[in-house]
């Protein structure tokens, strides 16, 4: 593993559309002991194969909070359209081989999830990037457009990402069910048993540095614009994305309700 240098960059945007300033909201510090961005930073630091963790911020208020818990942060342009562009700005200034992208609102991230991505990417020959997926556990989750679904080929490369419930099972009956016990989920089509995976995407990535720097220059596709999923730009331009299915999941804190659930988990633990 030592022959490659891998860093993790956490894009941290202050002006969140649905919950501005969530990464440094004082309520998280008050009730959980740490700011939201601090939780994520410390979790990422537990990854064994990451040599450095950097927060890529767009606002001095984030830089100030990160300095309070002795984290490493760099100011980036306020004009980036995506977190990928933000981490690319930081990565362009560093001598590294691989870059891990963990969103600043993913406090459930585990170091071993990141290490699984890194180990897969180190042995990968075809994909320019790698990401995580988790088995979908309920029909509500499957139908939720905020849960991004993935369909894979036989070698675990992504065929497509969508907010729609894919794959569609035309002939399912009452024996068709969701479960978290195994990776494969079965459905009955007539008398023939079929197995496949319903998978949701976890927005954690690792890129080859040279591809990351080229990423933002790739032409956007109609699919990306329709689904509002940036990773479809990669597939539309003919590149491969390797997917690692993990037994762990993450609940991103991207709404006021999600922020309250995050805080409530700590309140429950203290009782």
Foldseek 3Di string as FASTA:
>chain_A
DVVFAEAEEAEDEQCFPFDGNQQADCLCCVQVVAGLLVLVQVQQVPAPRHPAYEYEYADVVVVVRCVVVPHHYDYDHPPDPDSLVSVLVVLVVDDGFKYKYDYSQWSVDHNVQVNVQVVCVVPDDAAQKEFEKEFDAAVVLLQALVFKKFDADPQQKTPDIASHNPDDDDQFDPVFHGHLPDQWGWGDRPPDIDIDTTITTDPMMMGGSVVSNCLVVQDDDPVCVVRVDSCVSCVVVPGIYGYDYDSDDTDGQRHPVSSVVVSVVSVVVVD
